[in-house]
PDB file of all heavy atoms in Angstrom:
ATOM      1  N   LEU A   1      70.871  62.975 -94.703  1.00  0.00           N
ATOM      2  CA  LEU A   1      70.493  63.800 -95.849  1.00  0.00           C
ATOM      3  C   LEU A   1      69.208  63.234 -96.426  1.00  0.00           C
ATOM      4  O   LEU A   1      68.964  62.025 -96.334  1.00  0.00           O
ATOM      5  CB  LEU A   1      71.564  63.779 -96.944  1.00  0.00           C
ATOM      6  CG  LEU A   1      72.781  64.666 -96.826  1.00  0.00           C
ATOM      7  CD1 LEU A   1      73.721  64.394 -98.003  1.00  0.00           C
ATOM      8  CD2 LEU A   1      72.414  66.137 -96.784  1.00  0.00           C
ATOM      9  N   ARG A   2      68.428  64.104 -97.044  1.00  0.00           N
ATOM     10  CA  ARG A   2      67.257  63.650 -97.788  1.00  0.00           C
ATOM     11  C   ARG A   2      67.379  64.113 -99.233  1.00  0.00           C
ATOM     12  O   ARG A   2      67.444  65.316 -99.497  1.00  0.00           O
ATOM     13  CB  ARG A   2      65.949  64.161 -97.181  1.00  0.00           C
ATOM     14  CG  ARG A   2      64.736  63.498 -97.839  1.00  0.00           C
ATOM     15  CD  ARG A   2      63.423  63.917 -97.228  1.00  0.00           C
ATOM     16  NE  ARG A   2      62.968  65.211 -97.705  1.00  0.00           N
ATOM     17  CZ  ARG A   2      61.700  65.616 -97.676  1.00  0.00           C
ATOM     18  NH1 ARG A   2      60.769  64.811 -97.178  1.00  0.00           N
ATOM     19  NH2 ARG A   2      61.383  66.810 -98.107  1.00  0.00           N
ATOM     20  N   LEU A   3      67.407  63.159-100.130  1.00  0.00           N
ATOM     21  CA  LEU A   3      67.451  63.449-101.552  1.00  0.00           C
ATOM     22  C   LEU A   3      66.034  63.470-102.112  1.00  0.00           C
ATOM     23  O   LEU A   3      65.175  62.704-101.670  1.00  0.00           O
ATOM     24  CB  LEU A   3      68.279  62.405-102.296  1.00  0.00           C
ATOM     25  CG  LEU A   3      69.704  62.164-101.796  1.00  0.00           C
ATOM     26  CD1 LEU A   3      70.399  61.137-102.694  1.00  0.00           C
ATOM     27  CD2 LEU A   3      70.490  63.444-101.728  1.00  0.00           C
ATOM     28  N   SER A   4      65.834  64.334-103.100  1.00  0.00           N
ATOM     29  CA  SER A   4      64.541  64.413-103.785  1.00  0.00           C
ATOM     30  C   SER A   4      64.733  64.155-105.267  1.00  0.00           C
ATOM     31  O   SER A   4      65.745  64.540-105.842  1.00  0.00           O
ATOM     32  CB  SER A   4      63.910  65.792-103.597  1.00  0.00           C
ATOM     33  OG  SER A   4      63.658  66.073-102.247  1.00  0.00           O
ATOM     34  N   CYS A   5      63.747  63.544-105.850  1.00  0.00           N
ATOM     35  CA  CYS A   5      63.722  63.268-107.284  1.00  0.00           C
ATOM     36  C   CYS A   5      62.350  63.651-107.800  1.00  0.00           C
ATOM     37  O   CYS A   5      61.360  63.041-107.389  1.00  0.00           O
ATOM     38  CB  CYS A   5      63.997  61.795-107.542  1.00  0.00           C
ATOM     39  SG  CYS A   5      63.626  61.262-109.233  1.00  0.00           S
ATOM     40  N   THR A   6      62.322  64.627-108.685  1.00  0.00           N
ATOM     41  CA  THR A   6      61.047  65.107-109.201  1.00  0.00           C
ATOM     42  C   THR A   6      60.947  64.882-110.700  1.00  0.00           C
ATOM     43  O   THR A   6      61.852  65.274-111.438  1.00  0.00           O
ATOM     44  CB  THR A   6      60.852  66.597-108.896  1.00  0.00           C
ATOM     45  OG1 THR A   6      60.861  66.791-107.481  1.00  0.00           O
ATOM     46  CG2 THR A   6      59.528  67.094-109.445  1.00  0.00           C
ATOM     47  N   ALA A   7      59.866  64.260-111.105  1.00  0.00           N
ATOM     48  CA  ALA A   7      59.594  64.033-112.521  1.00  0.00           C
ATOM     49  C   ALA A   7      58.552  65.031-113.009  1.00  0.00           C
ATOM     50  O   ALA A   7      57.588  65.333-112.305  1.00  0.00           O
ATOM     51  CB  ALA A   7      59.102  62.607-112.738  1.00  0.00           C
ATOM     52  N   SER A   8      58.756  65.537-114.215  1.00  0.00           N
ATOM     53  CA  SER A   8      57.801  66.475-114.790  1.00  0.00           C
ATOM     54  C   SER A   8      57.740  66.261-116.296  1.00  0.00           C
ATOM     55  O   SER A   8      58.597  65.594-116.874  1.00  0.00           O
ATOM     56  CB  SER A   8      58.200  67.918-114.474  1.00  0.00           C
ATOM     57  OG  SER A   8      59.461  68.219-115.027  1.00  0.00           O
ATOM     58  N   GLY A   9      56.720  66.836-116.903  1.00  0.00           N
ATOM     59  CA  GLY A   9      56.574  66.703-118.349  1.00  0.00           C
ATOM     60  C   GLY A   9      55.400  65.818-118.705  1.00  0.00           C
ATOM     61  O   GLY A   9      54.361  65.856-118.068  1.00  0.00           O
ATOM     62  N   SER A  10      55.581  65.012-119.730  1.00  0.00           N
ATOM     63  CA  SER A  10      54.499  64.173-120.260  1.00  0.00           C
ATOM     64  C   SER A  10      54.349  62.905-119.426  1.00  0.00           C
ATOM     65  O   SER A  10      54.809  61.830-119.798  1.00  0.00           O
ATOM     66  CB  SER A  10      54.784  63.831-121.716  1.00  0.00           C
ATOM     67  OG  SER A  10      54.925  65.006-122.495  1.00  0.00           O
ATOM     68  N   ILE A  11      53.700  63.065-118.278  1.00  0.00           N
ATOM     69  CA  ILE A  11      53.509  61.942-117.358  1.00  0.00           C
ATOM     70  C   ILE A  11      52.047  61.550-117.374  1.00  0.00           C
ATOM     71  O   ILE A  11      51.187  62.345-116.998  1.00  0.00           O
ATOM     72  CB  ILE A  11      53.963  62.315-115.940  1.00  0.00           C
ATOM     73  CG1 ILE A  11      55.454  62.663-115.944  1.00  0.00           C
ATOM     74  CG2 ILE A  11      53.687  61.159-114.981  1.00  0.00           C
ATOM     75  CD1 ILE A  11      55.964  63.186-114.627  1.00  0.00           C
ATOM     76  N   PHE A  12      51.750  60.313-117.793  1.00  0.00           N
ATOM     77  CA  PHE A  12      50.365  59.874-117.917  1.00  0.00           C
ATOM     78  C   PHE A  12      50.056  58.701-116.992  1.00  0.00           C
ATOM     79  O   PHE A  12      48.929  58.233-116.933  1.00  0.00           O
ATOM     80  CB  PHE A  12      50.070  59.492-119.366  1.00  0.00           C
ATOM     81  CG  PHE A  12      50.366  60.596-120.328  1.00  0.00           C
ATOM     82  CD1 PHE A  12      51.477  60.550-121.150  1.00  0.00           C
ATOM     83  CD2 PHE A  12      49.546  61.716-120.397  1.00  0.00           C
ATOM     84  CE1 PHE A  12      51.756  61.581-122.040  1.00  0.00           C
ATOM     85  CE2 PHE A  12      49.814  62.750-121.279  1.00  0.00           C
ATOM     86  CZ  PHE A  12      50.926  62.674-122.101  1.00  0.00           C
ATOM     87  N   SER A  13      51.088  58.231-116.294  1.00  0.00           N
ATOM     88  CA  SER A  13      50.879  57.156-115.342  1.00  0.00           C
ATOM     89  C   SER A  13      51.912  57.293-114.240  1.00  0.00           C
ATOM     90  O   SER A  13      52.910  57.998-114.397  1.00  0.00           O
ATOM     91  CB  SER A  13      51.026  55.795-116.034  1.00  0.00           C
ATOM     92  OG  SER A  13      52.326  55.646-116.565  1.00  0.00           O
ATOM     93  N   THR A  14      51.671  56.625-113.145  1.00  0.00           N
ATOM     94  CA  THR A  14      52.597  56.691-112.020  1.00  0.00           C
ATOM     95  C   THR A  14      53.808  55.818-112.305  1.00  0.00           C
ATOM     96  O   THR A  14      53.663  54.612-112.519  1.00  0.00           O
ATOM     97  CB  THR A  14      51.918  56.214-110.736  1.00  0.00           C
ATOM     98  OG1 THR A  14      50.780  57.039-110.484  1.00  0.00           O
ATOM     99  CG2 THR A  14      52.876  56.314-109.565  1.00  0.00           C
ATOM    100  N   PRO A  15      54.987  56.384-112.289  1.00  0.00           N
ATOM    101  CA  PRO A  15      56.179  55.583-112.581  1.00  0.00           C
ATOM    102  C   PRO A  15      56.705  54.879-111.342  1.00  0.00           C
ATOM    103  O   PRO A  15      56.436  55.289-110.214  1.00  0.00           O
ATOM    104  CB  PRO A  15      57.182  56.631-113.046  1.00  0.00           C
ATOM    105  CG  PRO A  15      56.826  57.842-112.248  1.00  0.00           C
ATOM    106  CD  PRO A  15      55.315  57.813-112.110  1.00  0.00           C
ATOM    107  N   ALA A  16      57.437  53.822-111.561  1.00  0.00           N
ATOM    108  CA  ALA A  16      58.305  53.309-110.506  1.00  0.00           C
ATOM    109  C   ALA A  16      59.513  54.237-110.468  1.00  0.00           C
ATOM    110  O   ALA A  16      59.995  54.674-111.508  1.00  0.00           O
ATOM    111  CB  ALA A  16      58.736  51.880-110.818  1.00  0.00           C
ATOM    112  N   MET A  17      59.978  54.544-109.282  1.00  0.00           N
ATOM    113  CA  MET A  17      61.099  55.466-109.156  1.00  0.00           C
ATOM    114  C   MET A  17      62.192  54.793-108.339  1.00  0.00           C
ATOM    115  O   MET A  17      61.917  54.187-107.297  1.00  0.00           O
ATOM    116  CB  MET A  17      60.638  56.784-108.519  1.00  0.00           C
ATOM    117  CG  MET A  17      59.542  57.462-109.332  1.00  0.00           C
ATOM    118  SD  MET A  17      58.886  58.968-108.603  1.00  0.00           S
ATOM    119  CE  MET A  17      60.162  60.155-109.051  1.00  0.00           C
ATOM    120  N   SER A  18      63.401  54.889-108.839  1.00  0.00           N
ATOM    121  CA  SER A  18      64.518  54.194-108.211  1.00  0.00           C
ATOM    122  C   SER A  18      65.695  55.130-108.025  1.00  0.00           C
ATOM    123  O   SER A  18      65.897  56.052-108.802  1.00  0.00           O
ATOM    124  CB  SER A  18      64.973  53.012-109.080  1.00  0.00           C
ATOM    125  OG  SER A  18      63.938  52.063-109.234  1.00  0.00           O
ATOM    126  N   TRP A  19      66.467  54.827-107.016  1.00  0.00           N
ATOM    127  CA  TRP A  19      67.731  55.517-106.781  1.00  0.00           C
ATOM    128  C   TRP A  19      68.880  54.558-107.043  1.00  0.00           C
ATOM    129  O   TRP A  19      68.830  53.383-106.656  1.00  0.00           O
ATOM    130  CB  TRP A  19      67.815  56.028-105.346  1.00  0.00           C
ATOM    131  CG  TRP A  19      66.956  57.211-105.074  1.00  0.00           C
ATOM    132  CD1 TRP A  19      65.708  57.225-104.523  1.00  0.00           C
ATOM    133  CD2 TRP A  19      67.282  58.581-105.352  1.00  0.00           C
ATOM    134  NE1 TRP A  19      65.239  58.513-104.442  1.00  0.00           N
ATOM    135  CE2 TRP A  19      66.183  59.365-104.930  1.00  0.00           C
ATOM    136  CE3 TRP A  19      68.389  59.225-105.900  1.00  0.00           C
ATOM    137  CZ2 TRP A  19      66.171  60.750-105.051  1.00  0.00           C
ATOM    138  CZ3 TRP A  19      68.370  60.606-106.020  1.00  0.00           C
ATOM    139  CH2 TRP A  19      67.271  61.349-105.600  1.00  0.00           C
ATOM    140  N   TYR A  20      69.895  55.086-107.679  1.00  0.00           N
ATOM    141  CA  TYR A  20      71.146  54.371-107.921  1.00  0.00           C
ATOM    142  C   TYR A  20      72.274  55.272-107.440  1.00  0.00           C
ATOM    143  O   TYR A  20      72.117  56.482-107.293  1.00  0.00           O
ATOM    144  CB  TYR A  20      71.339  54.089-109.405  1.00  0.00           C
ATOM    145  CG  TYR A  20      70.381  53.062-109.978  1.00  0.00           C
ATOM    146  CD1 TYR A  20      69.055  53.376-110.239  1.00  0.00           C
ATOM    147  CD2 TYR A  20      70.816  51.765-110.267  1.00  0.00           C
ATOM    148  CE1 TYR A  20      68.181  52.436-110.759  1.00  0.00           C
ATOM    149  CE2 TYR A  20      69.949  50.822-110.797  1.00  0.00           C
ATOM    150  CZ  TYR A  20      68.640  51.172-111.037  1.00  0.00           C
ATOM    151  OH  TYR A  20      67.784  50.236-111.559  1.00  0.00           O
ATOM    152  N   ARG A  21      73.447  54.675-107.236  1.00  0.00           N
ATOM    153  CA  ARG A  21      74.618  55.482-106.916  1.00  0.00           C
ATOM    154  C   ARG A  21      75.831  54.947-107.642  1.00  0.00           C
ATOM    155  O   ARG A  21      75.906  53.761-107.980  1.00  0.00           O
ATOM    156  CB  ARG A  21      74.855  55.540-105.405  1.00  0.00           C
ATOM    157  CG  ARG A  21      75.221  54.231-104.744  1.00  0.00           C
ATOM    158  CD  ARG A  21      75.281  54.431-103.219  1.00  0.00           C
ATOM    159  NE  ARG A  21      75.710  53.215-102.514  1.00  0.00           N
ATOM    160  CZ  ARG A  21      75.773  53.103-101.189  1.00  0.00           C
ATOM    161  NH1 ARG A  21      75.420  54.138-100.416  1.00  0.00           N
ATOM    162  NH2 ARG A  21      76.167  51.977-100.625  1.00  0.00           N
ATOM    163  N   GLN A  22      76.761  55.852-107.864  1.00  0.00           N
ATOM    164  CA  GLN A  22      77.956  55.493-108.627  1.00  0.00           C
ATOM    165  C   GLN A  22      79.147  56.266-108.102  1.00  0.00           C
ATOM    166  O   GLN A  22      79.062  57.473-107.847  1.00  0.00           O
ATOM    167  CB  GLN A  22      77.739  55.797-110.105  1.00  0.00           C
ATOM    168  CG  GLN A  22      78.837  55.328-111.014  1.00  0.00           C
ATOM    169  CD  GLN A  22      78.480  55.513-112.476  1.00  0.00           C
ATOM    170  OE1 GLN A  22      77.666  56.352-112.844  1.00  0.00           O
ATOM    171  NE2 GLN A  22      79.089  54.704-113.346  1.00  0.00           N
ATOM    172  N   THR A  23      80.254  55.561-107.957  1.00  0.00           N
ATOM    173  CA  THR A  23      81.524  56.186-107.596  1.00  0.00           C
ATOM    174  C   THR A  23      82.454  56.111-108.804  1.00  0.00           C
ATOM    175  O   THR A  23      82.271  55.268-109.685  1.00  0.00           O
ATOM    176  CB  THR A  23      82.153  55.483-106.393  1.00  0.00           C
ATOM    177  OG1 THR A  23      82.255  54.071-106.656  1.00  0.00           O
ATOM    178  CG2 THR A  23      81.302  55.674-105.139  1.00  0.00           C
ATOM    179  N   PRO A  24      83.457  56.990-108.852  1.00  0.00           N
ATOM    180  CA  PRO A  24      84.348  57.036-110.018  1.00  0.00           C
ATOM    181  C   PRO A  24      84.985  55.682-110.313  1.00  0.00           C
ATOM    182  O   PRO A  24      85.499  55.016-109.403  1.00  0.00           O
ATOM    183  CB  PRO A  24      85.396  58.066-109.600  1.00  0.00           C
ATOM    184  CG  PRO A  24      84.673  58.966-108.656  1.00  0.00           C
ATOM    185  CD  PRO A  24      83.752  58.071-107.895  1.00  0.00           C
ATOM    186  N   GLY A  25      84.908  55.288-111.548  1.00  0.00           N
ATOM    187  CA  GLY A  25      85.532  54.045-111.979  1.00  0.00           C
ATOM    188  C   GLY A  25      84.710  52.800-111.742  1.00  0.00           C
ATOM    189  O   GLY A  25      85.145  51.684-112.072  1.00  0.00           O
ATOM    190  N   ASN A  26      83.542  52.980-111.153  1.00  0.00           N
ATOM    191  CA  ASN A  26      82.684  51.835-110.844  1.00  0.00           C
ATOM    192  C   ASN A  26      81.342  51.948-111.564  1.00  0.00           C
ATOM    193  O   ASN A  26      80.938  53.027-111.995  1.00  0.00           O
ATOM    194  CB  ASN A  26      82.454  51.742-109.335  1.00  0.00           C
ATOM    195  CG  ASN A  26      83.731  51.432-108.587  1.00  0.00           C
ATOM    196  OD1 ASN A  26      84.405  50.449-108.854  1.00  0.00           O
ATOM    197  ND2 ASN A  26      84.082  52.306-107.645  1.00  0.00           N
ATOM    198  N   ARG A  27      80.676  50.825-111.667  1.00  0.00           N
ATOM    199  CA  ARG A  27      79.378  50.846-112.316  1.00  0.00           C
ATOM    200  C   ARG A  27      78.318  51.385-111.367  1.00  0.00           C
ATOM    201  O   ARG A  27      78.504  51.440-110.151  1.00  0.00           O
ATOM    202  CB  ARG A  27      78.993  49.435-112.765  1.00  0.00           C
ATOM    203  CG  ARG A  27      78.818  48.446-111.620  1.00  0.00           C
ATOM    204  CD  ARG A  27      78.448  47.065-112.144  1.00  0.00           C
ATOM    205  NE  ARG A  27      78.304  46.107-111.048  1.00  0.00           N
ATOM    206  CZ  ARG A  27      77.181  45.930-110.372  1.00  0.00           C
ATOM    207  NH1 ARG A  27      76.115  46.643-110.681  1.00  0.00           N
ATOM    208  NH2 ARG A  27      77.130  45.048-109.400  1.00  0.00           N
ATOM    209  N   ARG A  28      77.220  51.811-111.963  1.00  0.00           N
ATOM    210  CA  ARG A  28      76.095  52.299-111.192  1.00  0.00           C
ATOM    211  C   ARG A  28      75.464  51.145-110.412  1.00  0.00           C
ATOM    212  O   ARG A  28      75.287  50.050-110.950  1.00  0.00           O
ATOM    213  CB  ARG A  28      75.081  52.922-112.145  1.00  0.00           C
ATOM    214  CG  ARG A  28      73.947  53.666-111.512  1.00  0.00           C
ATOM    215  CD  ARG A  28      73.063  54.234-112.617  1.00  0.00           C
ATOM    216  NE  ARG A  28      73.646  55.397-113.257  1.00  0.00           N
ATOM    217  CZ  ARG A  28      73.234  55.851-114.435  1.00  0.00           C
ATOM    218  NH1 ARG A  28      72.287  55.228-115.105  1.00  0.00           N
ATOM    219  NH2 ARG A  28      73.789  56.938-114.946  1.00  0.00           N
ATOM    220  N   VAL A  29      75.141  51.402-109.154  1.00  0.00           N
ATOM    221  CA  VAL A  29      74.612  50.367-108.277  1.00  0.00           C
ATOM    222  C   VAL A  29      73.224  50.773-107.784  1.00  0.00           C
ATOM    223  O   VAL A  29      73.017  51.908-107.353  1.00  0.00           O
ATOM    224  CB  VAL A  29      75.553  50.140-107.069  1.00  0.00           C
ATOM    225  CG1 VAL A  29      74.953  49.143-106.086  1.00  0.00           C
ATOM    226  CG2 VAL A  29      76.911  49.656-107.541  1.00  0.00           C
ATOM    227  N   TRP A  30      72.308  49.832-107.825  1.00  0.00           N
ATOM    228  CA  TRP A  30      70.945  50.082-107.369  1.00  0.00           C
ATOM    229  C   TRP A  30      70.913  50.275-105.856  1.00  0.00           C
ATOM    230  O   TRP A  30      71.586  49.547-105.112  1.00  0.00           O
ATOM    231  CB  TRP A  30      70.049  48.910-107.771  1.00  0.00           C
ATOM    232  CG  TRP A  30      68.687  48.968-107.180  1.00  0.00           C
ATOM    233  CD1 TRP A  30      67.644  49.784-107.562  1.00  0.00           C
ATOM    234  CD2 TRP A  30      68.179  48.187-106.086  1.00  0.00           C
ATOM    235  NE1 TRP A  30      66.536  49.553-106.789  1.00  0.00           N
ATOM    236  CE2 TRP A  30      66.843  48.577-105.869  1.00  0.00           C
ATOM    237  CE3 TRP A  30      68.737  47.203-105.279  1.00  0.00           C
ATOM    238  CZ2 TRP A  30      66.048  48.006-104.876  1.00  0.00           C
ATOM    239  CZ3 TRP A  30      67.958  46.629-104.292  1.00  0.00           C
ATOM    240  CH2 TRP A  30      66.622  47.042-104.091  1.00  0.00           C
ATOM    241  N   VAL A  31      70.103  51.245-105.402  1.00  0.00           N
ATOM    242  CA  VAL A  31      69.984  51.529-103.978  1.00  0.00           C
ATOM    243  C   VAL A  31      68.585  51.221-103.454  1.00  0.00           C
ATOM    244  O   VAL A  31      68.417  50.550-102.436  1.00  0.00           O
ATOM    245  CB  VAL A  31      70.327  53.014-103.692  1.00  0.00           C
ATOM    246  CG1 VAL A  31      70.087  53.349-102.222  1.00  0.00           C
ATOM    247  CG2 VAL A  31      71.769  53.310-104.082  1.00  0.00           C
ATOM    248  N   ALA A  32      67.568  51.741-104.157  1.00  0.00           N
ATOM    249  CA  ALA A  32      66.201  51.569-103.648  1.00  0.00           C
ATOM    250  C   ALA A  32      65.201  51.839-104.756  1.00  0.00           C
ATOM    251  O   ALA A  32      65.501  52.562-105.715  1.00  0.00           O
ATOM    252  CB  ALA A  32      65.945  52.515-102.475  1.00  0.00           C
ATOM    253  N   THR A  33      64.006  51.273-104.617  1.00  0.00           N
ATOM    254  CA  THR A  33      62.918  51.459-105.567  1.00  0.00           C
ATOM    255  C   THR A  33      61.599  51.587-104.829  1.00  0.00           C
ATOM    256  O   THR A  33      61.380  50.909-103.822  1.00  0.00           O
ATOM    257  CB  THR A  33      62.826  50.262-106.535  1.00  0.00           C
ATOM    258  OG1 THR A  33      64.003  50.207-107.335  1.00  0.00           O
ATOM    259  CG2 THR A  33      61.619  50.380-107.449  1.00  0.00           C
ATOM    260  N   ILE A  34      60.750  52.456-105.364  1.00  0.00           N
ATOM    261  CA  ILE A  34      59.358  52.489-104.937  1.00  0.00           C
ATOM    262  C   ILE A  34      58.530  52.267-106.195  1.00  0.00           C
ATOM    263  O   ILE A  34      58.683  52.978-107.182  1.00  0.00           O
ATOM    264  CB  ILE A  34      58.992  53.794-104.197  1.00  0.00           C
ATOM    265  CG1 ILE A  34      57.552  53.734-103.692  1.00  0.00           C
ATOM    266  CG2 ILE A  34      59.243  55.031-105.029  1.00  0.00           C
ATOM    267  CD1 ILE A  34      57.239  54.782-102.626  1.00  0.00           C
ATOM    268  N   SER A  35      57.687  51.248-106.153  1.00  0.00           N
ATOM    269  CA  SER A  35      56.906  50.882-107.327  1.00  0.00           C
ATOM    270  C   SER A  35      55.765  51.874-107.552  1.00  0.00           C
ATOM    271  O   SER A  35      55.465  52.718-106.690  1.00  0.00           O
ATOM    272  CB  SER A  35      56.347  49.472-107.158  1.00  0.00           C
ATOM    273  OG  SER A  35      55.288  49.483-106.205  1.00  0.00           O
ATOM    274  N   SER A  36      55.107  51.746-108.680  1.00  0.00           N
ATOM    275  CA  SER A  36      53.964  52.616-108.951  1.00  0.00           C
ATOM    276  C   SER A  36      52.869  52.436-107.910  1.00  0.00           C
ATOM    277  O   SER A  36      52.123  53.376-107.616  1.00  0.00           O
ATOM    278  CB  SER A  36      53.420  52.338-110.356  1.00  0.00           C
ATOM    279  OG  SER A  36      53.037  50.982-110.474  1.00  0.00           O
ATOM    280  N   GLY A  37      52.801  51.270-107.331  1.00  0.00           N
ATOM    281  CA  GLY A  37      51.801  51.003-106.299  1.00  0.00           C
ATOM    282  C   GLY A  37      52.250  51.338-104.888  1.00  0.00           C
ATOM    283  O   GLY A  37      51.470  51.204-103.947  1.00  0.00           O
ATOM    284  N   GLY A  38      53.508  51.757-104.756  1.00  0.00           N
ATOM    285  CA  GLY A  38      53.994  52.168-103.447  1.00  0.00           C
ATOM    286  C   GLY A  38      54.818  51.130-102.701  1.00  0.00           C
ATOM    287  O   GLY A  38      55.274  51.382-101.585  1.00  0.00           O
ATOM    288  N   THR A  39      55.037  49.981-103.310  1.00  0.00           N
ATOM    289  CA  THR A  39      55.876  48.969-102.667  1.00  0.00           C
ATOM    290  C   THR A  39      57.330  49.415-102.720  1.00  0.00           C
ATOM    291  O   THR A  39      57.803  49.867-103.756  1.00  0.00           O
ATOM    292  CB  THR A  39      55.727  47.621-103.371  1.00  0.00           C
ATOM    293  OG1 THR A  39      54.355  47.219-103.316  1.00  0.00           O
ATOM    294  CG2 THR A  39      56.588  46.562-102.695  1.00  0.00           C
ATOM    295  N   THR A  40      58.009  49.277-101.602  1.00  0.00           N
ATOM    296  CA  THR A  40      59.402  49.718-101.547  1.00  0.00           C
ATOM    297  C   THR A  40      60.352  48.542-101.392  1.00  0.00           C
ATOM    298  O   THR A  40      60.004  47.502-100.817  1.00  0.00           O
ATOM    299  CB  THR A  40      59.621  50.689-100.381  1.00  0.00           C
ATOM    300  OG1 THR A  40      59.337  50.017 -99.145  1.00  0.00           O
ATOM    301  CG2 THR A  40      58.730  51.911-100.512  1.00  0.00           C
ATOM    302  N   SER A  41      61.545  48.724-101.914  1.00  0.00           N
ATOM    303  CA  SER A  41      62.620  47.759-101.725  1.00  0.00           C
ATOM    304  C   SER A  41      63.917  48.539-101.625  1.00  0.00           C
ATOM    305  O   SER A  41      64.092  49.568-102.276  1.00  0.00           O
ATOM    306  CB  SER A  41      62.666  46.734-102.858  1.00  0.00           C
ATOM    307  OG  SER A  41      62.743  47.374-104.110  1.00  0.00           O
ATOM    308  N   VAL A  42      64.805  48.047-100.779  1.00  0.00           N
ATOM    309  CA  VAL A  42      66.056  48.749-100.487  1.00  0.00           C
ATOM    310  C   VAL A  42      67.195  47.739-100.525  1.00  0.00           C
ATOM    311  O   VAL A  42      67.045  46.615-100.036  1.00  0.00           O
ATOM    312  CB  VAL A  42      65.976  49.433 -99.107  1.00  0.00           C
ATOM    313  CG1 VAL A  42      67.277  50.160 -98.792  1.00  0.00           C
ATOM    314  CG2 VAL A  42      64.815  50.411 -99.062  1.00  0.00           C
ATOM    315  N   ALA A  43      68.314  48.142-101.073  1.00  0.00           N
ATOM    316  CA  ALA A  43      69.474  47.262-101.149  1.00  0.00           C
ATOM    317  C   ALA A  43      69.930  46.859 -99.746  1.00  0.00           C
ATOM    318  O   ALA A  43      69.869  47.657 -98.806  1.00  0.00           O
ATOM    319  CB  ALA A  43      70.609  47.957-101.889  1.00  0.00           C
ATOM    320  N   ALA A  44      70.406  45.655 -99.626  1.00  0.00           N
ATOM    321  CA  ALA A  44      70.837  45.134 -98.333  1.00  0.00           C
ATOM    322  C   ALA A  44      71.932  45.999 -97.713  1.00  0.00           C
ATOM    323  O   ALA A  44      72.002  46.140 -96.485  1.00  0.00           O
ATOM    324  CB  ALA A  44      71.309  43.693 -98.491  1.00  0.00           C
TER     325      ALA A  44
END
């Protein structure tokens, strides 16, 4: 699957964008990030 995340509105700089996931009864867990400069990191 490919998920998309689109930001709109009052955007004046490039944001870092991250994905998290959560299952019922559990806390939200970080999955991946792409920095404003394009550096990526992904959970092990």
